[in-house]
Amino acid sequence: MEIDWDDPCAAATELRRALNERLVGGADVRVRIRSGEHEEEVQSAVVSIADLKAALASAEQACAAKRGERPRRFAIGAGFRR
C-alpha cells in the first residue's frame, strides 16, 4: 500500500483500505509514505485500529476541505424537544 500525503483524498482511500484489512484480521501491514521528494516505507505487524481511524478522519476532513465541502458540525442541542 502506498500513501501520497500530498493528496488527502488518495490518502483517505488507502487508509480506509488499511482499516478494512485490519478489521478482517490482517495483522501485517506495509505502508509506503511519499511526500514531495521524501519517501519512507514502514512495515508493522500490529497497527492500532484507533490510530487508523484517527488518521482516516483527518484525511477525510482534509479531502472535504480540498473539494470545497463544509466541515461536519456536531452541535450541542438545548436538551429538549417538542
N, C-alpha and C. Protein backbone atom coordinates (compact mmCIF):
# COMPACT_ATOMS: atom_id res chain seq x y z
N MET A 1 0.85 -1.16 0.00
CA MET A 1 0.00 0.00 0.00
C MET A 1 0.90 1.23 0.00
N GLU A 2 0.55 2.20 -0.79
CA GLU A 2 1.32 3.43 -0.90
C GLU A 2 0.40 4.61 -0.62
N ILE A 3 0.83 5.50 0.27
CA ILE A 3 0.01 6.66 0.64
C ILE A 3 0.75 7.92 0.22
N ASP A 4 0.11 8.74 -0.61
CA ASP A 4 0.65 10.02 -1.02
C ASP A 4 -0.04 11.09 -0.17
N TRP A 5 0.66 11.59 0.84
CA TRP A 5 0.07 12.54 1.78
C TRP A 5 -0.18 13.90 1.14
N ASP A 6 0.36 14.14 -0.05
CA ASP A 6 0.09 15.41 -0.74
C ASP A 6 -1.32 15.43 -1.31
N ASP A 7 -1.95 14.28 -1.47
CA ASP A 7 -3.32 14.17 -1.96
C ASP A 7 -4.17 13.54 -0.85
N PRO A 8 -4.88 14.35 -0.05
CA PRO A 8 -5.63 13.81 1.08
C PRO A 8 -6.74 12.84 0.67
N CYS A 9 -7.30 13.01 -0.51
CA CYS A 9 -8.37 12.09 -0.95
C CYS A 9 -7.80 10.71 -1.24
N ALA A 10 -6.63 10.65 -1.86
CA ALA A 10 -5.98 9.36 -2.12
C ALA A 10 -5.53 8.74 -0.80
N ALA A 11 -5.05 9.57 0.13
CA ALA A 11 -4.63 9.07 1.44
C ALA A 11 -5.82 8.47 2.18
N ALA A 12 -6.98 9.13 2.10
CA ALA A 12 -8.18 8.62 2.77
C ALA A 12 -8.59 7.27 2.20
N THR A 13 -8.48 7.13 0.89
CA THR A 13 -8.84 5.86 0.24
C THR A 13 -7.93 4.73 0.72
N GLU A 14 -6.63 4.97 0.76
CA GLU A 14 -5.68 3.95 1.18
C GLU A 14 -5.82 3.64 2.68
N LEU A 15 -6.06 4.67 3.49
CA LEU A 15 -6.24 4.43 4.93
C LEU A 15 -7.52 3.64 5.20
N ARG A 16 -8.57 3.91 4.42
CA ARG A 16 -9.83 3.16 4.57
C ARG A 16 -9.59 1.68 4.23
N ARG A 17 -8.80 1.44 3.18
CA ARG A 17 -8.49 0.07 2.79
C ARG A 17 -7.65 -0.62 3.88
N ALA A 18 -6.69 0.10 4.45
CA ALA A 18 -5.86 -0.47 5.52
C ALA A 18 -6.70 -0.79 6.75
N LEU A 19 -7.64 0.10 7.07
CA LEU A 19 -8.53 -0.14 8.22
C LEU A 19 -9.39 -1.37 7.98
N ASN A 20 -9.94 -1.50 6.77
CA ASN A 20 -10.77 -2.67 6.45
C ASN A 20 -9.96 -3.95 6.54
N GLU A 21 -8.73 -3.93 6.04
CA GLU A 21 -7.87 -5.11 6.13
C GLU A 21 -7.60 -5.47 7.59
N ARG A 22 -7.37 -4.47 8.40
CA ARG A 22 -7.09 -4.70 9.83
C ARG A 22 -8.32 -5.25 10.53
N LEU A 23 -9.50 -4.76 10.17
CA LEU A 23 -10.74 -5.21 10.81
C LEU A 23 -11.08 -6.65 10.48
N VAL A 24 -10.69 -7.13 9.30
CA VAL A 24 -10.99 -8.51 8.94
C VAL A 24 -9.89 -9.47 9.37
N GLY A 25 -8.94 -8.97 10.13
CA GLY A 25 -7.94 -9.86 10.71
C GLY A 25 -6.56 -9.78 10.13
N GLY A 26 -6.34 -8.93 9.16
CA GLY A 26 -5.00 -8.78 8.61
C GLY A 26 -4.09 -8.09 9.62
N ALA A 27 -3.03 -8.75 10.03
CA ALA A 27 -2.16 -8.18 11.05
C ALA A 27 -0.93 -7.52 10.45
N ASP A 28 -0.46 -8.00 9.32
CA ASP A 28 0.76 -7.47 8.72
C ASP A 28 0.39 -6.38 7.73
N VAL A 29 0.86 -5.16 7.98
CA VAL A 29 0.54 -4.03 7.12
C VAL A 29 1.84 -3.37 6.68
N ARG A 30 1.94 -3.12 5.39
CA ARG A 30 3.10 -2.42 4.84
C ARG A 30 2.58 -1.14 4.20
N VAL A 31 3.17 -0.01 4.58
CA VAL A 31 2.73 1.28 4.09
C VAL A 31 3.93 2.04 3.53
N ARG A 32 3.77 2.58 2.33
CA ARG A 32 4.81 3.43 1.74
C ARG A 32 4.27 4.84 1.74
N ILE A 33 4.99 5.75 2.40
CA ILE A 33 4.57 7.14 2.54
C ILE A 33 5.46 8.00 1.66
N ARG A 34 4.82 8.80 0.80
CA ARG A 34 5.59 9.67 -0.08
C ARG A 34 5.04 11.08 0.04
N SER A 35 5.92 12.03 0.32
CA SER A 35 5.54 13.43 0.42
C SER A 35 6.62 14.24 -0.28
N GLY A 36 6.29 14.78 -1.42
CA GLY A 36 7.29 15.52 -2.19
C GLY A 36 8.38 14.57 -2.64
N GLU A 37 9.62 14.86 -2.28
CA GLU A 37 10.75 14.01 -2.66
C GLU A 37 11.09 12.99 -1.58
N HIS A 38 10.46 13.09 -0.43
CA HIS A 38 10.73 12.17 0.68
C HIS A 38 9.85 10.93 0.56
N GLU A 39 10.45 9.76 0.68
CA GLU A 39 9.70 8.51 0.61
C GLU A 39 10.16 7.60 1.74
N GLU A 40 9.21 6.98 2.40
CA GLU A 40 9.51 6.11 3.54
C GLU A 40 8.59 4.90 3.49
N GLU A 41 9.12 3.74 3.82
CA GLU A 41 8.31 2.53 3.85
C GLU A 41 8.33 1.97 5.26
N VAL A 42 7.15 1.67 5.77
CA VAL A 42 7.02 1.16 7.13
C VAL A 42 6.24 -0.15 7.06
N GLN A 43 6.74 -1.15 7.76
CA GLN A 43 6.02 -2.42 7.85
C GLN A 43 5.77 -2.68 9.33
N SER A 44 4.55 -2.99 9.64
CA SER A 44 4.19 -3.19 11.04
C SER A 44 3.31 -4.43 11.16
N ALA A 45 3.57 -5.18 12.20
CA ALA A 45 2.77 -6.37 12.44
C ALA A 45 1.49 -6.03 13.21
N VAL A 46 1.52 -4.96 13.96
CA VAL A 46 0.35 -4.56 14.75
C VAL A 46 0.09 -3.07 14.50
N VAL A 47 -1.09 -2.78 14.01
CA VAL A 47 -1.50 -1.40 13.78
C VAL A 47 -2.73 -1.14 14.63
N SER A 48 -2.69 -0.10 15.40
CA SER A 48 -3.82 0.25 16.25
C SER A 48 -5.00 0.69 15.40
N ILE A 49 -6.14 0.10 15.65
CA ILE A 49 -7.36 0.47 14.92
C ILE A 49 -7.72 1.91 15.23
N ALA A 50 -7.52 2.34 16.47
CA ALA A 50 -7.82 3.72 16.85
C ALA A 50 -6.93 4.70 16.09
N ASP A 51 -5.65 4.35 15.92
CA ASP A 51 -4.74 5.22 15.17
C ASP A 51 -5.15 5.30 13.70
N LEU A 52 -5.55 4.16 13.13
CA LEU A 52 -6.01 4.16 11.74
C LEU A 52 -7.27 5.00 11.58
N LYS A 53 -8.20 4.88 12.53
CA LYS A 53 -9.44 5.66 12.46
C LYS A 53 -9.15 7.15 12.57
N ALA A 54 -8.21 7.53 13.45
CA ALA A 54 -7.87 8.94 13.61
C ALA A 54 -7.21 9.49 12.35
N ALA A 55 -6.30 8.73 11.76
CA ALA A 55 -5.65 9.16 10.53
C ALA A 55 -6.65 9.26 9.39
N LEU A 56 -7.58 8.31 9.33
CA LEU A 56 -8.61 8.32 8.29
C LEU A 56 -9.52 9.54 8.45
N ALA A 57 -9.94 9.84 9.66
CA ALA A 57 -10.81 11.00 9.90
C ALA A 57 -10.11 12.30 9.49
N SER A 58 -8.84 12.40 9.82
CA SER A 58 -8.07 13.59 9.46
C SER A 58 -7.95 13.72 7.93
N ALA A 59 -7.65 12.61 7.26
CA ALA A 59 -7.53 12.64 5.80
C ALA A 59 -8.87 12.95 5.14
N GLU A 60 -9.97 12.42 5.69
CA GLU A 60 -11.29 12.70 5.13
C GLU A 60 -11.65 14.17 5.28
N GLN A 61 -11.30 14.79 6.41
CA GLN A 61 -11.57 16.21 6.62
C GLN A 61 -10.75 17.05 5.65
N ALA A 62 -9.48 16.70 5.46
CA ALA A 62 -8.64 17.43 4.52
C ALA A 62 -9.15 17.27 3.10
N CYS A 63 -9.63 16.09 2.76
CA CYS A 63 -10.18 15.83 1.43
C CYS A 63 -11.44 16.67 1.21
N ALA A 64 -12.31 16.72 2.20
CA ALA A 64 -13.54 17.51 2.09
C ALA A 64 -13.20 18.99 1.92
N ALA A 65 -12.19 19.47 2.64
CA ALA A 65 -11.78 20.86 2.51
C ALA A 65 -11.20 21.12 1.12
N LYS A 66 -10.47 20.16 0.59
CA LYS A 66 -9.89 20.29 -0.74
C LYS A 66 -10.98 20.38 -1.81
N ARG A 67 -12.08 19.63 -1.61
CA ARG A 67 -13.19 19.64 -2.57
C ARG A 67 -14.12 20.82 -2.35
N GLY A 68 -13.86 21.61 -1.31
CA GLY A 68 -14.69 22.79 -1.05
C GLY A 68 -15.94 22.50 -0.25
N GLU A 69 -16.00 21.34 0.37
CA GLU A 69 -17.17 20.99 1.18
C GLU A 69 -17.05 21.62 2.56
N ARG A 70 -18.18 21.86 3.17
CA ARG A 70 -18.18 22.42 4.52
C ARG A 70 -17.86 21.32 5.52
N PRO A 71 -17.15 21.65 6.58
CA PRO A 71 -16.83 20.63 7.59
C PRO A 71 -18.08 20.18 8.34
N ARG A 72 -18.03 18.96 8.85
CA ARG A 72 -19.15 18.45 9.65
C ARG A 72 -19.22 19.23 10.95
N ARG A 73 -20.44 19.43 11.42
CA ARG A 73 -20.63 20.11 12.70
C ARG A 73 -21.41 19.19 13.62
N PHE A 74 -20.97 19.16 14.84
CA PHE A 74 -21.67 18.39 15.87
C PHE A 74 -22.07 19.37 16.96
N ALA A 75 -23.25 19.96 16.79
CA ALA A 75 -23.70 20.98 17.73
C ALA A 75 -24.40 20.33 18.92
N ILE A 76 -24.28 20.99 20.02
CA ILE A 76 -24.97 20.54 21.24
C ILE A 76 -26.33 21.23 21.27
N GLY A 77 -27.37 20.45 21.40
CA GLY A 77 -28.73 20.99 21.40
C GLY A 77 -29.11 21.57 22.76
N ALA A 78 -30.30 22.11 22.83
CA ALA A 78 -30.79 22.75 24.05
C ALA A 78 -31.18 21.71 25.10
N GLY A 79 -31.33 20.46 24.71
CA GLY A 79 -31.63 19.43 25.68
C GLY A 79 -33.08 19.03 25.75
N PHE A 80 -33.94 19.63 24.98
CA PHE A 80 -35.33 19.23 24.99
C PHE A 80 -35.88 19.28 23.56
N ARG A 81 -36.94 18.52 23.36
CA ARG A 81 -37.61 18.51 22.05
C ARG A 81 -39.10 18.55 22.26
N ARG A 82 -39.80 19.09 21.33
CA ARG A 82 -41.26 19.12 21.41
C ARG A 82 -41.85 18.09 20.53
